[in-house]
Amino acid sequence: MNPVSQRQPAARGIPPAGPRSEAERAAKPVIDFDRFRPTRSSIRARKRHNLFMTGLIALSFLLALIPLASVLWASLSRGARRLNWDFLTHNMSGVVGGSPTATGGHGGILHAVVGTLEVTAGAMVISVPIGVMCAVFLVEYASGSRLAGAISLLVDVMSGIPSIVAGLFAFSMFAAIAGPGTVNGFSGSVALSLLMIPTVVKTSEDMLRVVPTDLREAAYALGVTQQRTITRIVLRTALPGIVSGVILAIARVIGETAPLLIASGFIASTNPNLFSGRMTTLPVYVYNEFSQGLAVCGPGSAEGCVAGIRMERAWAAALALIIIVLILNLLGRLVARVFAVKADK
């Protein structure tokens, strides 16, 4: 007999493989799935519970909309009347009380709009590169290390710093560098950047962690360097989220008043130079107009004097600030959509 073709004998105690007998199939437990089928009462209870939770969520949504709708309605109803072309193209130079100016208006916010845009842009130039590079270091280079934990702790501490402390720090720093009493728009940008950096770091870090690790590994497998992988793949993929974080940081600081009162001051004329002289922003303008109260329009006042002009200017400036924030959000979404990675259809 050929030993190759000879079959090995079956091991002792192990039955030969073959079709199962009728007794073995009959001993197999049979699961009664009808026992797990929901009853009509349980289905009705689930529907009632689902309806209750849906109504509760909808009610919470409506309650959250009440303050937002109230703020928008108050700003529109009280600020739209004074928000015109003359108000947008003139500053407060030569404005006395509630008397009209030579152009027929009652002053404007041109200097405050210029100051707001320049101070916020300066804060973005400082905070966005620092915040994004810090997030890249935490995620790509020092992930899980003690240094990364220490930096994350410092960022969390910075996010809780009161805004007036940031203004005092910027004022003290420029007083030490350029001399006592130095107040300019760039000092306000430095103060706002201290408030923006934590938000940019945390949002950018979260977006970078969302990028799949497979993208990095695929790039490394093709011989791409880490620096090029980060700049061309990781950051490009996370760009929409990073832009959203930057917009959130801008919305966080564009309405700050206390640090800018200390660091940038107030001026009635338009100052386009960010690095020299006082500069007014819209939040400071609103605070200054509101704090002065009613104007004096007694006997001998000029014709067309408006006693409540300061309150009207404050509401109109607040409405202009809301519109600027809306425009910045739309521009940010447009940038994120243009530079986002296009998915193949």
C-alpha atoms as a PDB file:
ATOM      1  CA  MET A   1       0.000   0.000   0.000  1.00  0.00           C
ATOM      2  CA  ASN A   2       1.240   3.454  -0.892  1.00  0.00           C
ATOM      3  CA  PRO A   3       2.044   5.279   2.412  1.00  0.00           C
ATOM      4  CA  VAL A   4       1.184   8.589   0.815  1.00  0.00           C
ATOM      5  CA  SER A   5      -2.328   7.545   0.019  1.00  0.00           C
ATOM      6  CA  GLN A   6      -2.839   5.814   3.339  1.00  0.00           C
ATOM      7  CA  ARG A   7      -5.238   7.720   5.606  1.00  0.00           C
ATOM      8  CA  GLN A   8      -4.353   8.454   9.195  1.00  0.00           C
ATOM      9  CA  PRO A   9      -6.449   6.585  11.738  1.00  0.00           C
ATOM     10  CA  ALA A  10      -8.955   8.658  13.735  1.00  0.00           C
ATOM     11  CA  ALA A  11      -7.791   9.814  17.168  1.00  0.00           C
ATOM     12  CA  ARG A  12      -9.261   8.049  20.127  1.00  0.00           C
ATOM     13  CA  GLY A  13     -12.307   9.703  21.623  1.00  0.00           C
ATOM     14  CA  ILE A  14     -12.944  11.983  18.635  1.00  0.00           C
ATOM     15  CA  PRO A  15     -15.893  10.889  16.472  1.00  0.00           C
ATOM     16  CA  PRO A  16     -15.352  10.976  12.750  1.00  0.00           C
ATOM     17  CA  ALA A  17     -16.517  14.058  10.899  1.00  0.00           C
ATOM     18  CA  GLY A  18     -19.794  13.598   9.154  1.00  0.00           C
ATOM     19  CA  PRO A  19     -23.384  14.788   8.982  1.00  0.00           C
ATOM     20  CA  ARG A  20     -25.060  15.336  12.318  1.00  0.00           C
ATOM     21  CA  SER A  21     -27.656  12.915  13.452  1.00  0.00           C
ATOM     22  CA  GLU A  22     -31.320  13.740  13.977  1.00  0.00           C
ATOM     23  CA  ALA A  23     -30.864  13.537  17.758  1.00  0.00           C
ATOM     24  CA  GLU A  24     -28.074  16.119  17.731  1.00  0.00           C
ATOM     25  CA  ARG A  25     -30.136  18.509  15.631  1.00  0.00           C
ATOM     26  CA  ALA A  26     -33.112  18.008  17.889  1.00  0.00           C
ATOM     27  CA  ALA A  27     -31.011  18.809  20.998  1.00  0.00           C
ATOM     28  CA  LYS A  28     -30.018  22.219  19.570  1.00  0.00           C
ATOM     29  CA  PRO A  29     -31.871  25.026  21.398  1.00  0.00           C
ATOM     30  CA  VAL A  30     -34.515  26.840  19.427  1.00  0.00           C
ATOM     31  CA  ILE A  31     -34.804  30.581  20.035  1.00  0.00           C
ATOM     32  CA  ASP A  32     -38.298  31.957  20.085  1.00  0.00           C
ATOM     33  CA  PHE A  33     -37.878  35.381  18.498  1.00  0.00           C
ATOM     34  CA  ASP A  34     -41.559  36.167  18.963  1.00  0.00           C
ATOM     35  CA  ARG A  35     -40.896  36.629  22.667  1.00  0.00           C
ATOM     36  CA  PHE A  36     -38.672  39.633  21.881  1.00  0.00           C
ATOM     37  CA  ARG A  37     -41.142  41.261  19.525  1.00  0.00           C
ATOM     38  CA  PRO A  38     -42.418  44.552  21.019  1.00  0.00           C
ATOM     39  CA  THR A  39     -46.041  44.686  21.999  1.00  0.00           C
ATOM     40  CA  ARG A  40     -48.485  47.330  20.874  1.00  0.00           C
ATOM     41  CA  SER A  41     -48.418  49.018  24.264  1.00  0.00           C
ATOM     42  CA  SER A  42     -44.629  49.262  24.238  1.00  0.00           C
ATOM     43  CA  ILE A  43     -44.678  50.695  20.702  1.00  0.00           C
ATOM     44  CA  ARG A  44     -47.211  53.327  21.771  1.00  0.00           C
ATOM     45  CA  ALA A  45     -45.051  54.159  24.818  1.00  0.00           C
ATOM     46  CA  ARG A  46     -42.003  54.580  22.596  1.00  0.00           C
ATOM     47  CA  LYS A  47     -43.922  56.928  20.284  1.00  0.00           C
ATOM     48  CA  ARG A  48     -45.128  58.996  23.229  1.00  0.00           C
ATOM     49  CA  HIS A  49     -41.590  59.188  24.622  1.00  0.00           C
ATOM     50  CA  ASN A  50     -40.196  60.161  21.213  1.00  0.00           C
ATOM     51  CA  LEU A  51     -42.853  62.837  20.783  1.00  0.00           C
ATOM     52  CA  PHE A  52     -42.147  64.231  24.260  1.00  0.00           C
ATOM     53  CA  MET A  53     -38.386  64.429  23.677  1.00  0.00           C
ATOM     54  CA  THR A  54     -38.879  66.006  20.237  1.00  0.00           C
ATOM     55  CA  GLY A  55     -41.112  68.681  21.743  1.00  0.00           C
ATOM     56  CA  LEU A  56     -38.660  69.274  24.584  1.00  0.00           C
ATOM     57  CA  ILE A  57     -35.758  69.751  22.140  1.00  0.00           C
ATOM     58  CA  ALA A  58     -37.840  72.067  19.955  1.00  0.00           C
ATOM     59  CA  LEU A  59     -38.855  74.105  23.025  1.00  0.00           C
ATOM     60  CA  SER A  60     -35.210  74.393  24.114  1.00  0.00           C
ATOM     61  CA  PHE A  61     -34.300  75.595  20.628  1.00  0.00           C
ATOM     62  CA  LEU A  62     -37.014  78.247  20.717  1.00  0.00           C
ATOM     63  CA  LEU A  63     -35.922  79.394  24.183  1.00  0.00           C
ATOM     64  CA  ALA A  64     -32.344  79.728  22.934  1.00  0.00           C
ATOM     65  CA  LEU A  65     -33.569  81.870  20.033  1.00  0.00           C
ATOM     66  CA  ILE A  66     -35.401  84.335  22.286  1.00  0.00           C
ATOM     67  CA  PRO A  67     -32.338  86.316  23.485  1.00  0.00           C
ATOM     68  CA  LEU A  68     -30.785  86.261  20.004  1.00  0.00           C
ATOM     69  CA  ALA A  69     -33.981  87.494  18.365  1.00  0.00           C
ATOM     70  CA  SER A  70     -34.426  90.123  21.107  1.00  0.00           C
ATOM     71  CA  VAL A  71     -30.915  91.517  20.602  1.00  0.00           C
ATOM     72  CA  LEU A  72     -31.312  91.622  16.829  1.00  0.00           C
ATOM     73  CA  TRP A  73     -34.729  93.261  17.031  1.00  0.00           C
ATOM     74  CA  ALA A  74     -33.586  95.876  19.539  1.00  0.00           C
ATOM     75  CA  SER A  75     -30.512  96.701  17.454  1.00  0.00           C
ATOM     76  CA  LEU A  76     -32.500  96.931  14.227  1.00  0.00           C
ATOM     77  CA  SER A  77     -35.419  98.915  15.625  1.00  0.00           C
ATOM     78  CA  ARG A  78     -33.250 101.412  17.525  1.00  0.00           C
ATOM     79  CA  GLY A  79     -30.187 101.593  15.297  1.00  0.00           C
ATOM     80  CA  ALA A  80     -31.525 101.457  11.739  1.00  0.00           C
ATOM     81  CA  ARG A  81     -32.993 104.955  11.988  1.00  0.00           C
ATOM     82  CA  ARG A  82     -29.574 106.588  12.519  1.00  0.00           C
ATOM     83  CA  LEU A  83     -27.492 104.185  10.393  1.00  0.00           C
ATOM     84  CA  ASN A  84     -27.189 106.104   7.121  1.00  0.00           C
ATOM     85  CA  TRP A  85     -24.457 107.165   4.695  1.00  0.00           C
ATOM     86  CA  ASP A  86     -23.641 110.349   6.599  1.00  0.00           C
ATOM     87  CA  PHE A  87     -23.272 108.353   9.812  1.00  0.00           C
ATOM     88  CA  LEU A  88     -20.879 105.906   8.129  1.00  0.00           C
ATOM     89  CA  THR A  89     -18.699 108.506   6.380  1.00  0.00           C
ATOM     90  CA  HIS A  90     -18.126 111.045   9.176  1.00  0.00           C
ATOM     91  CA  ASN A  91     -16.408 110.983  12.538  1.00  0.00           C
ATOM     92  CA  MET A  92     -17.060 112.929  15.728  1.00  0.00           C
ATOM     93  CA  SER A  93     -14.825 115.905  14.924  1.00  0.00           C
ATOM     94  CA  GLY A  94     -16.666 119.174  15.529  1.00  0.00           C
ATOM     95  CA  VAL A  95     -19.749 117.509  17.015  1.00  0.00           C
ATOM     96  CA  VAL A  96     -21.121 119.411  20.018  1.00  0.00           C
ATOM     97  CA  GLY A  97     -23.894 117.884  22.100  1.00  0.00           C
ATOM     98  CA  GLY A  98     -26.977 117.100  20.077  1.00  0.00           C
ATOM     99  CA  SER A  99     -26.505 119.922  17.571  1.00  0.00           C
ATOM    100  CA  PRO A 100     -26.285 118.957  13.882  1.00  0.00           C
ATOM    101  CA  THR A 101     -23.066 119.356  11.920  1.00  0.00           C
ATOM    102  CA  ALA A 102     -22.483 121.287   8.715  1.00  0.00           C
ATOM    103  CA  THR A 103     -23.456 118.260   6.625  1.00  0.00           C
ATOM    104  CA  GLY A 104     -26.811 117.975   8.378  1.00  0.00           C
ATOM    105  CA  GLY A 105     -25.859 114.900  10.346  1.00  0.00           C
ATOM    106  CA  HIS A 106     -25.009 114.364  13.985  1.00  0.00           C
ATOM    107  CA  GLY A 107     -21.577 112.770  13.766  1.00  0.00           C
ATOM    108  CA  GLY A 108     -20.608 109.288  12.688  1.00  0.00           C
ATOM    109  CA  ILE A 109     -18.528 106.185  13.214  1.00  0.00           C
ATOM    110  CA  LEU A 110     -15.973 106.368  10.408  1.00  0.00           C
ATOM    111  CA  HIS A 111     -13.076 106.605  12.844  1.00  0.00           C
ATOM    112  CA  ALA A 112     -14.476 103.748  14.942  1.00  0.00           C
ATOM    113  CA  VAL A 113     -14.965 101.454  11.934  1.00  0.00           C
ATOM    114  CA  VAL A 114     -11.415 102.124  10.728  1.00  0.00           C
ATOM    115  CA  GLY A 115     -10.073 101.517  14.227  1.00  0.00           C
ATOM    116  CA  THR A 116     -12.050  98.296  14.671  1.00  0.00           C
ATOM    117  CA  LEU A 117     -10.869  96.830  11.368  1.00  0.00           C
ATOM    118  CA  GLU A 118      -7.227  97.794  11.881  1.00  0.00           C
ATOM    119  CA  VAL A 119      -6.989  96.685  15.512  1.00  0.00           C
ATOM    120  CA  THR A 120      -8.733  93.380  14.764  1.00  0.00           C
ATOM    121  CA  ALA A 121      -6.559  92.777  11.695  1.00  0.00           C
ATOM    122  CA  GLY A 122      -3.456  93.433  13.771  1.00  0.00           C
ATOM    123  CA  ALA A 123      -4.647  90.952  16.380  1.00  0.00           C
ATOM    124  CA  MET A 124      -5.249  88.352  13.654  1.00  0.00           C
ATOM    125  CA  VAL A 125      -1.756  88.817  12.216  1.00  0.00           C
ATOM    126  CA  ILE A 126      -0.307  88.113  15.662  1.00  0.00           C
ATOM    127  CA  SER A 127      -2.576  85.365  16.968  1.00  0.00           C
ATOM    128  CA  VAL A 128      -3.407  83.206  13.936  1.00  0.00           C
ATOM    129  CA  PRO A 129       0.168  82.126  13.018  1.00  0.00           C
ATOM    130  CA  ILE A 130       1.114  81.618  16.669  1.00  0.00           C
ATOM    131  CA  GLY A 131      -2.074  79.690  17.444  1.00  0.00           C
ATOM    132  CA  VAL A 132      -1.931  77.434  14.379  1.00  0.00           C
ATOM    133  CA  MET A 133       1.789  76.646  14.808  1.00  0.00           C
ATOM    134  CA  CYS A 134       1.248  75.907  18.491  1.00  0.00           C
ATOM    135  CA  ALA A 135      -1.566  73.496  17.578  1.00  0.00           C
ATOM    136  CA  VAL A 136       0.644  71.816  14.957  1.00  0.00           C
ATOM    137  CA  PHE A 137       3.386  71.362  17.537  1.00  0.00           C
ATOM    138  CA  LEU A 138       0.988  69.861  20.076  1.00  0.00           C
ATOM    139  CA  VAL A 139      -0.558  67.408  17.608  1.00  0.00           C
ATOM    140  CA  GLU A 140       2.221  66.519  15.181  1.00  0.00           C
ATOM    141  CA  TYR A 141       5.464  66.843  17.143  1.00  0.00           C
ATOM    142  CA  ALA A 142       4.853  66.646  20.899  1.00  0.00           C
ATOM    143  CA  SER A 143       1.665  64.614  21.153  1.00  0.00           C
ATOM    144  CA  GLY A 144       1.450  62.863  24.523  1.00  0.00           C
ATOM    145  CA  SER A 145       4.629  64.394  25.956  1.00  0.00           C
ATOM    146  CA  ARG A 146       4.947  66.311  29.209  1.00  0.00           C
ATOM    147  CA  LEU A 147       5.752  69.485  27.298  1.00  0.00           C
ATOM    148  CA  ALA A 148       2.497  69.185  25.368  1.00  0.00           C
ATOM    149  CA  GLY A 149       0.595  68.735  28.621  1.00  0.00           C
ATOM    150  CA  ALA A 150       2.237  71.808  30.135  1.00  0.00           C
ATOM    151  CA  ILE A 151       1.467  73.922  27.050  1.00  0.00           C
ATOM    152  CA  SER A 152      -2.158  72.750  27.003  1.00  0.00           C
ATOM    153  CA  LEU A 153      -2.482  73.698  30.666  1.00  0.00           C
ATOM    154  CA  LEU A 154      -1.086  77.176  29.983  1.00  0.00           C
ATOM    155  CA  VAL A 155      -3.466  77.621  27.050  1.00  0.00           C
ATOM    156  CA  ASP A 156      -6.413  76.665  29.264  1.00  0.00           C
ATOM    157  CA  VAL A 157      -5.263  79.167  31.879  1.00  0.00           C
ATOM    158  CA  MET A 158      -4.930  81.901  29.232  1.00  0.00           C
ATOM    159  CA  SER A 159      -8.472  81.260  28.023  1.00  0.00           C
ATOM    160  CA  GLY A 160      -9.762  82.239  31.474  1.00  0.00           C
ATOM    161  CA  ILE A 161      -7.788  85.461  31.834  1.00  0.00           C
ATOM    162  CA  PRO A 162     -10.084  88.525  32.203  1.00  0.00           C
ATOM    163  CA  SER A 163      -9.917  90.844  29.225  1.00  0.00           C
ATOM    164  CA  ILE A 164      -8.961  93.872  31.310  1.00  0.00           C
ATOM    165  CA  VAL A 165      -5.855  92.005  32.489  1.00  0.00           C
ATOM    166  CA  ALA A 166      -4.809  91.608  28.851  1.00  0.00           C
ATOM    167  CA  GLY A 167      -5.275  95.361  28.368  1.00  0.00           C
ATOM    168  CA  LEU A 168      -3.186  96.150  31.439  1.00  0.00           C
ATOM    169  CA  PHE A 169      -0.445  93.797  30.220  1.00  0.00           C
ATOM    170  CA  ALA A 170      -0.313  95.411  26.766  1.00  0.00           C
ATOM    171  CA  PHE A 171      -0.312  98.901  28.256  1.00  0.00           C
ATOM    172  CA  SER A 172       2.496  97.993  30.674  1.00  0.00           C
ATOM    173  CA  MET A 173       4.555  96.324  27.958  1.00  0.00           C
ATOM    174  CA  PHE A 174       4.400  99.316  25.616  1.00  0.00           C
ATOM    175  CA  ALA A 175       5.048 101.683  28.530  1.00  0.00           C
ATOM    176  CA  ALA A 176       8.238  99.740  29.279  1.00  0.00           C
ATOM    177  CA  ILE A 177       9.303  99.655  25.605  1.00  0.00           C
ATOM    178  CA  ALA A 178       8.231 103.052  24.231  1.00  0.00           C
ATOM    179  CA  GLY A 179       7.857 105.084  27.401  1.00  0.00           C
ATOM    180  CA  PRO A 180       5.157 105.781  29.983  1.00  0.00           C
ATOM    181  CA  GLY A 181       1.717 106.664  28.686  1.00  0.00           C
ATOM    182  CA  THR A 182       2.182 105.057  25.263  1.00  0.00           C
ATOM    183  CA  VAL A 183      -1.259 104.361  23.804  1.00  0.00           C
ATOM    184  CA  ASN A 184      -1.858 103.301  20.208  1.00  0.00           C
ATOM    185  CA  GLY A 185      -3.869 100.910  18.093  1.00  0.00           C
ATOM    186  CA  PHE A 186      -1.168  98.251  17.948  1.00  0.00           C
ATOM    187  CA  SER A 187      -1.174  98.059  21.730  1.00  0.00           C
ATOM    188  CA  GLY A 188      -4.848  97.192  21.491  1.00  0.00           C
ATOM    189  CA  SER A 189      -4.026  94.533  18.873  1.00  0.00           C
ATOM    190  CA  VAL A 190      -1.552  92.948  21.273  1.00  0.00           C
ATOM    191  CA  ALA A 191      -4.179  92.935  24.018  1.00  0.00           C
ATOM    192  CA  LEU A 192      -6.756  91.297  21.758  1.00  0.00           C
ATOM    193  CA  SER A 193      -4.232  88.740  20.487  1.00  0.00           C
ATOM    194  CA  LEU A 194      -3.771  87.498  24.050  1.00  0.00           C
ATOM    195  CA  LEU A 195      -7.480  86.714  24.095  1.00  0.00           C
ATOM    196  CA  MET A 196      -7.538  85.196  20.596  1.00  0.00           C
ATOM    197  CA  ILE A 197      -4.581  82.819  20.886  1.00  0.00           C
ATOM    198  CA  PRO A 198      -6.237  80.294  23.277  1.00  0.00           C
ATOM    199  CA  THR A 199      -9.325  80.013  21.077  1.00  0.00           C
ATOM    200  CA  VAL A 200      -7.260  79.575  17.907  1.00  0.00           C
ATOM    201  CA  VAL A 201      -5.025  76.973  19.569  1.00  0.00           C
ATOM    202  CA  LYS A 202      -7.862  74.834  20.964  1.00  0.00           C
ATOM    203  CA  THR A 203     -10.005  74.883  17.809  1.00  0.00           C
ATOM    204  CA  SER A 204      -7.030  74.238  15.508  1.00  0.00           C
ATOM    205  CA  GLU A 205      -5.828  71.416  17.742  1.00  0.00           C
ATOM    206  CA  ASP A 206      -9.237  69.752  17.632  1.00  0.00           C
ATOM    207  CA  MET A 207      -9.410  70.061  13.847  1.00  0.00           C
ATOM    208  CA  LEU A 208      -5.918  68.631  13.367  1.00  0.00           C
ATOM    209  CA  ARG A 209      -6.768  65.622  15.523  1.00  0.00           C
ATOM    210  CA  VAL A 210      -9.816  64.927  13.351  1.00  0.00           C
ATOM    211  CA  VAL A 211      -7.613  64.462  10.262  1.00  0.00           C
ATOM    212  CA  PRO A 212      -7.300  60.676   9.710  1.00  0.00           C
ATOM    213  CA  THR A 213      -3.935  59.141  10.547  1.00  0.00           C
ATOM    214  CA  ASP A 214      -4.140  57.125   7.330  1.00  0.00           C
ATOM    215  CA  LEU A 215      -3.502  60.299   5.316  1.00  0.00           C
ATOM    216  CA  ARG A 216      -0.268  60.935   7.179  1.00  0.00           C
ATOM    217  CA  GLU A 217       0.860  57.322   6.884  1.00  0.00           C
ATOM    218  CA  ALA A 218       0.087  57.246   3.156  1.00  0.00           C
ATOM    219  CA  ALA A 219       2.180  60.373   2.633  1.00  0.00           C
ATOM    220  CA  TYR A 220       5.066  58.983   4.664  1.00  0.00           C
ATOM    221  CA  ALA A 221       4.897  55.720   2.690  1.00  0.00           C
ATOM    222  CA  LEU A 222       5.368  57.711  -0.528  1.00  0.00           C
ATOM    223  CA  GLY A 223       8.474  59.365   0.887  1.00  0.00           C
ATOM    224  CA  VAL A 224       6.946  62.770   1.648  1.00  0.00           C
ATOM    225  CA  THR A 225       8.650  64.645   4.453  1.00  0.00           C
ATOM    226  CA  GLN A 226       6.780  65.441   7.658  1.00  0.00           C
ATOM    227  CA  GLN A 227       6.916  69.177   7.065  1.00  0.00           C
ATOM    228  CA  ARG A 228       5.414  68.832   3.585  1.00  0.00           C
ATOM    229  CA  THR A 229       2.815  66.376   4.844  1.00  0.00           C
ATOM    230  CA  ILE A 230       1.687  68.850   7.487  1.00  0.00           C
ATOM    231  CA  THR A 231       1.550  71.868   5.177  1.00  0.00           C
ATOM    232  CA  ARG A 232       0.076  70.222   2.084  1.00  0.00           C
ATOM    233  CA  ILE A 233      -2.138  67.479   3.512  1.00  0.00           C
ATOM    234  CA  VAL A 234      -2.939  67.908   7.202  1.00  0.00           C
ATOM    235  CA  LEU A 235      -3.458  71.686   7.251  1.00  0.00           C
ATOM    236  CA  ARG A 236      -5.237  71.623   3.906  1.00  0.00           C
ATOM    237  CA  THR A 237      -7.669  69.010   5.166  1.00  0.00           C
ATOM    238  CA  ALA A 238      -8.287  70.834   8.440  1.00  0.00           C
ATOM    239  CA  LEU A 239      -8.505  74.301   6.856  1.00  0.00           C
ATOM    240  CA  PRO A 240     -12.323  74.706   7.026  1.00  0.00           C
ATOM    241  CA  GLY A 241     -12.311  73.934  10.751  1.00  0.00           C
ATOM    242  CA  ILE A 242      -9.331  76.209  11.380  1.00  0.00           C
ATOM    243  CA  VAL A 243     -11.060  79.079   9.565  1.00  0.00           C
ATOM    244  CA  SER A 244     -14.167  78.512  11.679  1.00  0.00           C
ATOM    245  CA  GLY A 245     -12.011  78.663  14.804  1.00  0.00           C
ATOM    246  CA  VAL A 246     -10.432  81.931  13.665  1.00  0.00           C
ATOM    247  CA  ILE A 247     -13.885  83.409  13.030  1.00  0.00           C
ATOM    248  CA  LEU A 248     -14.946  82.301  16.495  1.00  0.00           C
ATOM    249  CA  ALA A 249     -11.867  83.984  17.971  1.00  0.00           C
ATOM    250  CA  ILE A 250     -12.614  87.203  16.067  1.00  0.00           C
ATOM    251  CA  ALA A 251     -16.183  87.208  17.335  1.00  0.00           C
ATOM    252  CA  ARG A 252     -14.752  86.677  20.820  1.00  0.00           C
ATOM    253  CA  VAL A 253     -12.585  89.816  20.767  1.00  0.00           C
ATOM    254  CA  ILE A 254     -14.171  92.238  18.306  1.00  0.00           C
ATOM    255  CA  GLY A 255     -16.658  93.362  20.953  1.00  0.00           C
ATOM    256  CA  GLU A 256     -14.130  93.833  23.767  1.00  0.00           C
ATOM    257  CA  THR A 257     -14.188  97.252  25.410  1.00  0.00           C
ATOM    258  CA  ALA A 258     -12.160  97.165  28.642  1.00  0.00           C
ATOM    259  CA  PRO A 259      -8.732  96.257  27.181  1.00  0.00           C
ATOM    260  CA  LEU A 260      -9.089  98.772  24.356  1.00  0.00           C
ATOM    261  CA  LEU A 261     -10.065 101.566  26.702  1.00  0.00           C
ATOM    262  CA  ILE A 262      -6.701 101.061  28.405  1.00  0.00           C
ATOM    263  CA  ALA A 263      -4.489 100.115  25.464  1.00  0.00           C
ATOM    264  CA  SER A 264      -5.912 102.157  22.546  1.00  0.00           C
ATOM    265  CA  GLY A 265      -7.846 104.965  24.198  1.00  0.00           C
ATOM    266  CA  PHE A 266     -10.441 107.181  22.509  1.00  0.00           C
ATOM    267  CA  ILE A 267     -10.227 109.899  19.866  1.00  0.00           C
ATOM    268  CA  ALA A 268     -12.893 111.860  17.989  1.00  0.00           C
ATOM    269  CA  SER A 269     -11.007 112.073  14.677  1.00  0.00           C
ATOM    270  CA  THR A 270      -9.972 109.341  12.239  1.00  0.00           C
ATOM    271  CA  ASN A 271      -6.513 107.885  12.842  1.00  0.00           C
ATOM    272  CA  PRO A 272      -5.453 105.451  10.087  1.00  0.00           C
ATOM    273  CA  ASN A 273      -2.013 104.813  11.627  1.00  0.00           C
ATOM    274  CA  LEU A 274      -2.144 101.671  13.738  1.00  0.00           C
ATOM    275  CA  PHE A 275       1.256 102.319  15.327  1.00  0.00           C
ATOM    276  CA  SER A 276       0.907 105.948  16.365  1.00  0.00           C
ATOM    277  CA  GLY A 277      -1.683 107.819  18.395  1.00  0.00           C
ATOM    278  CA  ARG A 278      -4.963 106.881  20.007  1.00  0.00           C
ATOM    279  CA  MET A 279      -7.496 104.867  18.043  1.00  0.00           C
ATOM    280  CA  THR A 280     -11.217 104.394  18.642  1.00  0.00           C
ATOM    281  CA  THR A 281     -13.053 101.110  18.083  1.00  0.00           C
ATOM    282  CA  LEU A 282     -16.775 100.490  17.825  1.00  0.00           C
ATOM    283  CA  PRO A 283     -17.210  98.921  21.296  1.00  0.00           C
ATOM    284  CA  VAL A 284     -15.373 101.862  22.885  1.00  0.00           C
ATOM    285  CA  TYR A 285     -17.480 104.269  20.810  1.00  0.00           C
ATOM    286  CA  VAL A 286     -20.706 102.609  22.009  1.00  0.00           C
ATOM    287  CA  TYR A 287     -19.544 102.709  25.625  1.00  0.00           C
ATOM    288  CA  ASN A 288     -18.503 106.362  25.367  1.00  0.00           C
ATOM    289  CA  GLU A 289     -21.795 107.457  23.794  1.00  0.00           C
ATOM    290  CA  PHE A 290     -23.909 105.489  26.259  1.00  0.00           C
ATOM    291  CA  SER A 291     -21.986 106.755  29.300  1.00  0.00           C
ATOM    292  CA  GLN A 292     -22.526 110.437  28.364  1.00  0.00           C
ATOM    293  CA  GLY A 293     -26.292 110.206  28.615  1.00  0.00           C
ATOM    294  CA  LEU A 294     -28.656 112.756  27.096  1.00  0.00           C
ATOM    295  CA  ALA A 295     -27.460 115.856  25.259  1.00  0.00           C
ATOM    296  CA  VAL A 296     -28.493 119.351  26.359  1.00  0.00           C
ATOM    297  CA  CYS A 297     -31.019 120.941  24.012  1.00  0.00           C
ATOM    298  CA  GLY A 298     -32.275 123.920  25.965  1.00  0.00           C
ATOM    299  CA  PRO A 299     -33.055 127.481  24.941  1.00  0.00           C
ATOM    300  CA  GLY A 300     -30.467 128.839  22.549  1.00  0.00           C
ATOM    301  CA  SER A 301     -29.557 125.455  21.144  1.00  0.00           C
ATOM    302  CA  ALA A 302     -29.130 125.036  17.420  1.00  0.00           C
ATOM    303  CA  GLU A 303     -32.137 124.107  15.331  1.00  0.00           C
ATOM    304  CA  GLY A 304     -32.405 120.350  14.899  1.00  0.00           C
ATOM    305  CA  CYS A 305     -30.807 119.530  18.245  1.00  0.00           C
ATOM    306  CA  VAL A 306     -31.627 115.969  19.342  1.00  0.00           C
ATOM    307  CA  ALA A 307     -31.454 115.265  23.066  1.00  0.00           C
ATOM    308  CA  GLY A 308     -31.249 111.494  22.676  1.00  0.00           C
ATOM    309  CA  ILE A 309     -28.723 111.546  19.828  1.00  0.00           C
ATOM    310  CA  ARG A 310     -26.056 109.815  21.887  1.00  0.00           C
ATOM    311  CA  MET A 311     -28.260 106.823  22.573  1.00  0.00           C
ATOM    312  CA  GLU A 312     -29.225 106.694  18.903  1.00  0.00           C
ATOM    313  CA  ARG A 313     -25.565 106.791  17.877  1.00  0.00           C
ATOM    314  CA  ALA A 314     -24.767 104.013  20.353  1.00  0.00           C
ATOM    315  CA  TRP A 315     -27.480 101.727  18.961  1.00  0.00           C
ATOM    316  CA  ALA A 316     -26.499 102.505  15.369  1.00  0.00           C
ATOM    317  CA  ALA A 317     -22.854 101.716  16.132  1.00  0.00           C
ATOM    318  CA  ALA A 318     -23.897  98.436  17.784  1.00  0.00           C
ATOM    319  CA  LEU A 319     -25.877  97.527  14.667  1.00  0.00           C
ATOM    320  CA  ALA A 320     -22.864  98.355  12.500  1.00  0.00           C
ATOM    321  CA  LEU A 321     -20.708  96.082  14.670  1.00  0.00           C
ATOM    322  CA  ILE A 322     -23.192  93.212  14.226  1.00  0.00           C
ATOM    323  CA  ILE A 323     -23.126  93.739  10.455  1.00  0.00           C
ATOM    324  CA  ILE A 324     -19.307  93.689  10.419  1.00  0.00           C
ATOM    325  CA  VAL A 325     -19.274  90.411  12.357  1.00  0.00           C
ATOM    326  CA  LEU A 326     -21.820  88.967   9.904  1.00  0.00           C
ATOM    327  CA  ILE A 327     -19.698  90.014   6.917  1.00  0.00           C
ATOM    328  CA  LEU A 328     -16.566  88.510   8.473  1.00  0.00           C
ATOM    329  CA  ASN A 329     -18.427  85.230   9.054  1.00  0.00           C
ATOM    330  CA  LEU A 330     -19.569  85.125   5.431  1.00  0.00           C
ATOM    331  CA  LEU A 331     -16.048  85.865   4.179  1.00  0.00           C
ATOM    332  CA  GLY A 332     -14.633  83.162   6.433  1.00  0.00           C
ATOM    333  CA  ARG A 333     -17.107  80.599   5.124  1.00  0.00           C
ATOM    334  CA  LEU A 334     -16.280  81.618   1.554  1.00  0.00           C
ATOM    335  CA  VAL A 335     -12.551  81.190   2.175  1.00  0.00           C
ATOM    336  CA  ALA A 336     -13.105  77.814   3.809  1.00  0.00           C
ATOM    337  CA  ARG A 337     -15.212  76.655   0.865  1.00  0.00           C
ATOM    338  CA  VAL A 338     -12.701  77.839  -1.754  1.00  0.00           C
ATOM    339  CA  PHE A 339      -9.647  76.245  -0.110  1.00  0.00           C
ATOM    340  CA  ALA A 340     -11.338  73.106   1.199  1.00  0.00           C
ATOM    341  CA  VAL A 341     -10.323  69.736  -0.221  1.00  0.00           C
ATOM    342  CA  LYS A 342     -12.664  68.806  -3.058  1.00  0.00           C
ATOM    343  CA  ALA A 343     -14.062  65.314  -2.758  1.00  0.00           C
ATOM    344  CA  ASP A 344     -14.218  63.271  -5.950  1.00  0.00           C
ATOM    345  CA  LYS A 345     -17.761  62.550  -7.029  1.00  0.00           C
END
